[in-house]
Amino acid sequence: MAGKRVLIVEDEKPLQHALELKLQREGYDTICAHNGQEAVDLLKNEPFDVVLLDLMMPVVDGFQVLEQHATFASQPAFFVLSNLSQREDEERVLALGARKYFIKSDTPLSTIVEEVKNA
């Protein structure tokens, strides 16, 4: 786990901060992006082990981030966190390479941290 880098891509600042604190307490190095374009720029230039990715964000959405994964500096494990609960959205992100799809309102932060640990 030491040295694992996690990119948190979330435009909701309270959730972003909560994820960042929980993961840092577990010993992860965290970087935050507030929109999809920031995430793409970081992913093209820096290696990450895990990405926690929101879908609905300004500038570039999470679907578009996943579509660009072949251009990234590393191939991290993507976990999507969204309030979109339609089955089609989940199927689409999994087809684009995400490992898991979490509905924010139904998923405790501890579950997300456990998935990061297992990645």
N, C-alpha and C. Protein backbone atom coordinates (compact mmCIF):
# COMPACT_ATOMS: atom_id res chain seq x y z
N MET A 1 0.82 -1.19 0.00
CA MET A 1 0.00 0.00 0.00
C MET A 1 0.86 1.25 0.00
N ALA A 2 2.03 1.21 0.61
CA ALA A 2 2.87 2.39 0.70
C ALA A 2 3.18 2.92 -0.68
N GLY A 3 2.97 4.22 -0.85
CA GLY A 3 3.28 4.85 -2.11
C GLY A 3 2.18 4.76 -3.15
N LYS A 4 1.08 4.07 -2.86
CA LYS A 4 -0.01 4.01 -3.83
C LYS A 4 -0.63 5.39 -3.99
N ARG A 5 -0.81 5.77 -5.26
CA ARG A 5 -1.37 7.09 -5.57
C ARG A 5 -2.80 6.94 -6.03
N VAL A 6 -3.66 7.77 -5.44
CA VAL A 6 -5.08 7.75 -5.78
C VAL A 6 -5.48 9.14 -6.28
N LEU A 7 -6.08 9.17 -7.46
CA LEU A 7 -6.64 10.40 -8.00
C LEU A 7 -8.13 10.41 -7.72
N ILE A 8 -8.58 11.46 -7.02
CA ILE A 8 -9.99 11.62 -6.70
C ILE A 8 -10.54 12.70 -7.64
N VAL A 9 -11.46 12.29 -8.50
CA VAL A 9 -12.04 13.21 -9.48
C VAL A 9 -13.49 13.42 -9.09
N GLU A 10 -13.74 14.53 -8.42
CA GLU A 10 -15.06 14.78 -7.83
C GLU A 10 -15.27 16.28 -7.74
N ASP A 11 -16.39 16.78 -8.26
CA ASP A 11 -16.67 18.20 -8.20
C ASP A 11 -17.45 18.60 -6.95
N GLU A 12 -17.97 17.63 -6.20
CA GLU A 12 -18.63 17.94 -4.93
C GLU A 12 -17.57 18.00 -3.85
N LYS A 13 -17.22 19.20 -3.42
CA LYS A 13 -16.10 19.39 -2.51
C LYS A 13 -16.23 18.63 -1.18
N PRO A 14 -17.41 18.58 -0.53
CA PRO A 14 -17.49 17.83 0.72
C PRO A 14 -17.16 16.34 0.55
N LEU A 15 -17.67 15.73 -0.50
CA LEU A 15 -17.37 14.32 -0.74
C LEU A 15 -15.90 14.14 -1.11
N GLN A 16 -15.39 15.02 -1.92
CA GLN A 16 -13.98 14.94 -2.30
C GLN A 16 -13.09 15.01 -1.06
N HIS A 17 -13.39 15.94 -0.19
CA HIS A 17 -12.60 16.11 1.04
C HIS A 17 -12.72 14.89 1.95
N ALA A 18 -13.92 14.35 2.09
CA ALA A 18 -14.12 13.16 2.94
C ALA A 18 -13.32 11.97 2.40
N LEU A 19 -13.37 11.75 1.09
CA LEU A 19 -12.60 10.66 0.49
C LEU A 19 -11.10 10.87 0.69
N GLU A 20 -10.67 12.09 0.49
CA GLU A 20 -9.25 12.41 0.64
C GLU A 20 -8.78 12.13 2.07
N LEU A 21 -9.53 12.57 3.05
CA LEU A 21 -9.15 12.34 4.45
C LEU A 21 -9.10 10.85 4.79
N LYS A 22 -10.14 10.12 4.39
CA LYS A 22 -10.18 8.68 4.70
C LYS A 22 -9.01 7.94 4.06
N LEU A 23 -8.72 8.24 2.81
CA LEU A 23 -7.63 7.55 2.12
C LEU A 23 -6.26 7.96 2.67
N GLN A 24 -6.09 9.21 3.02
CA GLN A 24 -4.82 9.64 3.61
C GLN A 24 -4.60 8.97 4.96
N ARG A 25 -5.65 8.80 5.73
CA ARG A 25 -5.53 8.10 7.02
C ARG A 25 -5.09 6.65 6.84
N GLU A 26 -5.42 6.09 5.68
CA GLU A 26 -5.01 4.71 5.36
C GLU A 26 -3.63 4.65 4.73
N GLY A 27 -2.99 5.80 4.56
CA GLY A 27 -1.62 5.82 4.05
C GLY A 27 -1.47 6.06 2.55
N TYR A 28 -2.56 6.44 1.87
CA TYR A 28 -2.48 6.68 0.43
C TYR A 28 -2.07 8.12 0.14
N ASP A 29 -1.38 8.28 -0.97
CA ASP A 29 -1.04 9.59 -1.49
C ASP A 29 -2.19 10.00 -2.41
N THR A 30 -2.89 11.07 -2.07
CA THR A 30 -4.06 11.47 -2.85
C THR A 30 -3.84 12.79 -3.57
N ILE A 31 -4.40 12.87 -4.76
CA ILE A 31 -4.42 14.09 -5.55
C ILE A 31 -5.88 14.28 -5.95
N CYS A 32 -6.34 15.53 -5.99
CA CYS A 32 -7.73 15.79 -6.34
C CYS A 32 -7.83 16.60 -7.62
N ALA A 33 -8.83 16.26 -8.42
CA ALA A 33 -9.18 17.02 -9.60
C ALA A 33 -10.65 17.41 -9.46
N HIS A 34 -10.99 18.62 -9.89
CA HIS A 34 -12.35 19.13 -9.69
C HIS A 34 -13.23 18.98 -10.92
N ASN A 35 -12.63 18.59 -12.04
CA ASN A 35 -13.41 18.33 -13.24
C ASN A 35 -12.66 17.33 -14.11
N GLY A 36 -13.33 16.85 -15.13
CA GLY A 36 -12.74 15.82 -15.97
C GLY A 36 -11.51 16.26 -16.74
N GLN A 37 -11.46 17.53 -17.15
CA GLN A 37 -10.28 17.99 -17.88
C GLN A 37 -9.05 17.99 -17.00
N GLU A 38 -9.19 18.43 -15.76
CA GLU A 38 -8.06 18.36 -14.81
C GLU A 38 -7.60 16.92 -14.66
N ALA A 39 -8.54 16.00 -14.57
CA ALA A 39 -8.20 14.58 -14.42
C ALA A 39 -7.43 14.07 -15.63
N VAL A 40 -7.91 14.38 -16.83
CA VAL A 40 -7.23 13.93 -18.05
C VAL A 40 -5.82 14.48 -18.09
N ASP A 41 -5.64 15.76 -17.78
CA ASP A 41 -4.30 16.36 -17.79
C ASP A 41 -3.37 15.66 -16.81
N LEU A 42 -3.87 15.37 -15.62
CA LEU A 42 -3.06 14.66 -14.62
C LEU A 42 -2.74 13.25 -15.08
N LEU A 43 -3.75 12.54 -15.58
CA LEU A 43 -3.56 11.15 -15.97
C LEU A 43 -2.62 10.99 -17.17
N LYS A 44 -2.55 11.98 -18.02
CA LYS A 44 -1.64 11.91 -19.17
C LYS A 44 -0.19 12.13 -18.77
N ASN A 45 0.01 12.76 -17.61
CA ASN A 45 1.36 13.15 -17.22
C ASN A 45 1.91 12.49 -15.96
N GLU A 46 1.05 11.87 -15.18
CA GLU A 46 1.49 11.29 -13.91
C GLU A 46 0.90 9.89 -13.74
N PRO A 47 1.66 8.98 -13.12
CA PRO A 47 1.12 7.65 -12.87
C PRO A 47 0.24 7.61 -11.62
N PHE A 48 -0.84 6.86 -11.70
CA PHE A 48 -1.73 6.64 -10.57
C PHE A 48 -2.05 5.16 -10.49
N ASP A 49 -2.31 4.67 -9.29
CA ASP A 49 -2.70 3.29 -9.08
C ASP A 49 -4.22 3.11 -9.15
N VAL A 50 -4.93 4.11 -8.63
CA VAL A 50 -6.39 4.06 -8.55
C VAL A 50 -6.95 5.43 -8.89
N VAL A 51 -8.11 5.43 -9.57
CA VAL A 51 -8.84 6.67 -9.83
C VAL A 51 -10.27 6.48 -9.34
N LEU A 52 -10.71 7.40 -8.49
CA LEU A 52 -12.12 7.46 -8.06
C LEU A 52 -12.75 8.55 -8.92
N LEU A 53 -13.69 8.17 -9.77
CA LEU A 53 -14.16 9.05 -10.83
C LEU A 53 -15.66 9.30 -10.76
N ASP A 54 -16.03 10.56 -10.63
CA ASP A 54 -17.42 10.97 -10.74
C ASP A 54 -17.79 10.99 -12.23
N LEU A 55 -19.06 10.85 -12.55
CA LEU A 55 -19.47 10.90 -13.95
C LEU A 55 -19.92 12.29 -14.39
N MET A 56 -20.77 12.91 -13.60
CA MET A 56 -21.34 14.19 -13.99
C MET A 56 -20.50 15.33 -13.41
N MET A 57 -19.66 15.90 -14.29
CA MET A 57 -18.76 16.98 -13.88
C MET A 57 -18.71 18.04 -14.97
N PRO A 58 -18.26 19.23 -14.61
CA PRO A 58 -18.10 20.27 -15.63
C PRO A 58 -16.91 19.98 -16.55
N VAL A 59 -16.91 20.61 -17.69
CA VAL A 59 -15.85 20.62 -18.71
C VAL A 59 -15.79 19.28 -19.45
N VAL A 60 -15.33 18.22 -18.80
CA VAL A 60 -15.26 16.88 -19.38
C VAL A 60 -15.90 15.93 -18.38
N ASP A 61 -16.83 15.09 -18.83
CA ASP A 61 -17.49 14.20 -17.87
C ASP A 61 -16.70 12.90 -17.69
N GLY A 62 -17.13 12.09 -16.75
CA GLY A 62 -16.42 10.85 -16.44
C GLY A 62 -16.39 9.85 -17.57
N PHE A 63 -17.46 9.81 -18.37
CA PHE A 63 -17.46 8.93 -19.54
C PHE A 63 -16.32 9.29 -20.48
N GLN A 64 -16.15 10.60 -20.72
CA GLN A 64 -15.10 11.07 -21.62
C GLN A 64 -13.71 10.78 -21.06
N VAL A 65 -13.57 10.85 -19.75
CA VAL A 65 -12.28 10.50 -19.13
C VAL A 65 -11.97 9.04 -19.41
N LEU A 66 -12.93 8.16 -19.19
CA LEU A 66 -12.72 6.73 -19.43
C LEU A 66 -12.41 6.44 -20.90
N GLU A 67 -13.04 7.16 -21.79
CA GLU A 67 -12.81 6.95 -23.22
C GLU A 67 -11.38 7.26 -23.63
N GLN A 68 -10.67 8.06 -22.84
CA GLN A 68 -9.30 8.45 -23.17
C GLN A 68 -8.24 7.62 -22.45
N HIS A 69 -8.62 6.55 -21.76
CA HIS A 69 -7.69 5.82 -20.90
C HIS A 69 -6.45 5.31 -21.63
N ALA A 70 -6.52 5.05 -22.91
CA ALA A 70 -5.34 4.54 -23.63
C ALA A 70 -4.23 5.59 -23.73
N THR A 71 -4.55 6.85 -23.53
CA THR A 71 -3.55 7.91 -23.65
C THR A 71 -2.90 8.27 -22.31
N PHE A 72 -3.26 7.57 -21.24
CA PHE A 72 -2.76 7.92 -19.91
C PHE A 72 -1.37 7.36 -19.65
N ALA A 73 -0.64 8.00 -18.74
CA ALA A 73 0.73 7.60 -18.39
C ALA A 73 0.77 6.22 -17.75
N SER A 74 -0.29 5.82 -17.08
CA SER A 74 -0.38 4.50 -16.46
C SER A 74 -1.79 3.99 -16.69
N GLN A 75 -2.04 2.76 -16.31
CA GLN A 75 -3.37 2.18 -16.45
C GLN A 75 -3.93 1.85 -15.06
N PRO A 76 -4.42 2.88 -14.38
CA PRO A 76 -4.93 2.68 -13.02
C PRO A 76 -6.26 1.92 -13.01
N ALA A 77 -6.61 1.46 -11.83
CA ALA A 77 -7.94 0.87 -11.62
C ALA A 77 -8.93 2.03 -11.45
N PHE A 78 -9.99 2.02 -12.24
CA PHE A 78 -11.01 3.06 -12.15
C PHE A 78 -12.21 2.55 -11.38
N PHE A 79 -12.63 3.35 -10.40
CA PHE A 79 -13.86 3.09 -9.67
C PHE A 79 -14.76 4.31 -9.88
N VAL A 80 -15.94 4.08 -10.41
CA VAL A 80 -16.85 5.18 -10.71
C VAL A 80 -17.80 5.39 -9.54
N LEU A 81 -17.94 6.66 -9.15
CA LEU A 81 -18.85 7.07 -8.08
C LEU A 81 -19.85 8.04 -8.70
N SER A 82 -21.12 7.69 -8.66
CA SER A 82 -22.10 8.53 -9.33
C SER A 82 -23.44 8.47 -8.63
N ASN A 83 -24.26 9.47 -8.88
CA ASN A 83 -25.65 9.43 -8.42
C ASN A 83 -26.57 8.94 -9.54
N LEU A 84 -26.01 8.69 -10.71
CA LEU A 84 -26.79 8.11 -11.80
C LEU A 84 -27.03 6.64 -11.48
N SER A 85 -28.29 6.25 -11.44
CA SER A 85 -28.58 4.88 -11.03
C SER A 85 -29.17 4.03 -12.15
N GLN A 86 -29.05 4.49 -13.37
CA GLN A 86 -29.58 3.71 -14.49
C GLN A 86 -28.61 2.61 -14.87
N ARG A 87 -29.14 1.45 -15.13
CA ARG A 87 -28.32 0.28 -15.48
C ARG A 87 -27.46 0.55 -16.71
N GLU A 88 -27.97 1.32 -17.67
CA GLU A 88 -27.21 1.61 -18.89
C GLU A 88 -25.91 2.37 -18.58
N ASP A 89 -25.96 3.28 -17.60
CA ASP A 89 -24.76 4.03 -17.23
C ASP A 89 -23.72 3.09 -16.63
N GLU A 90 -24.16 2.20 -15.76
CA GLU A 90 -23.24 1.24 -15.16
C GLU A 90 -22.63 0.34 -16.22
N GLU A 91 -23.44 -0.17 -17.12
CA GLU A 91 -22.93 -1.03 -18.18
C GLU A 91 -21.93 -0.29 -19.07
N ARG A 92 -22.21 0.97 -19.35
CA ARG A 92 -21.32 1.75 -20.21
C ARG A 92 -19.95 1.94 -19.56
N VAL A 93 -19.91 2.33 -18.27
CA VAL A 93 -18.61 2.56 -17.64
C VAL A 93 -17.83 1.26 -17.48
N LEU A 94 -18.52 0.16 -17.22
CA LEU A 94 -17.83 -1.12 -17.11
C LEU A 94 -17.26 -1.53 -18.47
N ALA A 95 -18.00 -1.26 -19.54
CA ALA A 95 -17.51 -1.56 -20.89
C ALA A 95 -16.31 -0.68 -21.25
N LEU A 96 -16.25 0.52 -20.66
CA LEU A 96 -15.13 1.43 -20.91
C LEU A 96 -13.91 1.13 -20.02
N GLY A 97 -14.03 0.12 -19.15
CA GLY A 97 -12.87 -0.30 -18.37
C GLY A 97 -12.91 -0.06 -16.88
N ALA A 98 -13.97 0.53 -16.37
CA ALA A 98 -14.05 0.72 -14.91
C ALA A 98 -14.20 -0.63 -14.22
N ARG A 99 -13.62 -0.74 -13.03
CA ARG A 99 -13.73 -1.99 -12.26
C ARG A 99 -15.06 -2.14 -11.55
N LYS A 100 -15.53 -1.03 -10.99
CA LYS A 100 -16.79 -1.08 -10.23
C LYS A 100 -17.52 0.25 -10.39
N TYR A 101 -18.81 0.16 -10.15
CA TYR A 101 -19.69 1.32 -10.24
C TYR A 101 -20.42 1.45 -8.91
N PHE A 102 -20.23 2.57 -8.24
CA PHE A 102 -20.88 2.80 -6.95
C PHE A 102 -21.87 3.94 -7.06
N ILE A 103 -23.05 3.76 -6.51
CA ILE A 103 -24.01 4.85 -6.40
C ILE A 103 -23.71 5.56 -5.08
N LYS A 104 -23.34 6.83 -5.19
CA LYS A 104 -22.86 7.59 -4.03
C LYS A 104 -23.79 7.50 -2.83
N SER A 105 -25.08 7.70 -3.07
CA SER A 105 -26.02 7.75 -1.95
C SER A 105 -26.22 6.39 -1.28
N ASP A 106 -25.83 5.31 -1.95
CA ASP A 106 -26.01 3.96 -1.41
C ASP A 106 -24.73 3.31 -0.90
N THR A 107 -23.61 4.01 -1.01
CA THR A 107 -22.32 3.38 -0.72
C THR A 107 -21.59 4.10 0.40
N PRO A 108 -21.32 3.41 1.51
CA PRO A 108 -20.53 4.03 2.58
C PRO A 108 -19.07 4.26 2.12
N LEU A 109 -18.46 5.31 2.63
CA LEU A 109 -17.06 5.58 2.27
C LEU A 109 -16.15 4.42 2.62
N SER A 110 -16.47 3.70 3.70
CA SER A 110 -15.63 2.58 4.11
C SER A 110 -15.59 1.49 3.02
N THR A 111 -16.69 1.31 2.30
CA THR A 111 -16.74 0.34 1.20
C THR A 111 -15.80 0.77 0.09
N ILE A 112 -15.79 2.03 -0.22
CA ILE A 112 -14.91 2.56 -1.28
C ILE A 112 -13.46 2.39 -0.88
N VAL A 113 -13.14 2.70 0.37
CA VAL A 113 -11.76 2.54 0.85
C VAL A 113 -11.34 1.07 0.77
N GLU A 114 -12.21 0.16 1.12
CA GLU A 114 -11.89 -1.28 1.02
C GLU A 114 -11.60 -1.69 -0.43
N GLU A 115 -12.37 -1.17 -1.36
CA GLU A 115 -12.13 -1.47 -2.78
C GLU A 115 -10.79 -0.93 -3.24
N VAL A 116 -10.43 0.25 -2.77
CA VAL A 116 -9.12 0.82 -3.10
C VAL A 116 -8.03 -0.06 -2.55
N LYS A 117 -8.18 -0.54 -1.34
CA LYS A 117 -7.18 -1.43 -0.73
C LYS A 117 -7.00 -2.71 -1.54
N ASN A 118 -8.10 -3.22 -2.09
CA ASN A 118 -8.05 -4.48 -2.83
C ASN A 118 -7.63 -4.31 -4.28
N ALA A 119 -7.50 -3.09 -4.74
CA ALA A 119 -7.17 -2.85 -6.16
C ALA A 119 -5.73 -3.22 -6.45
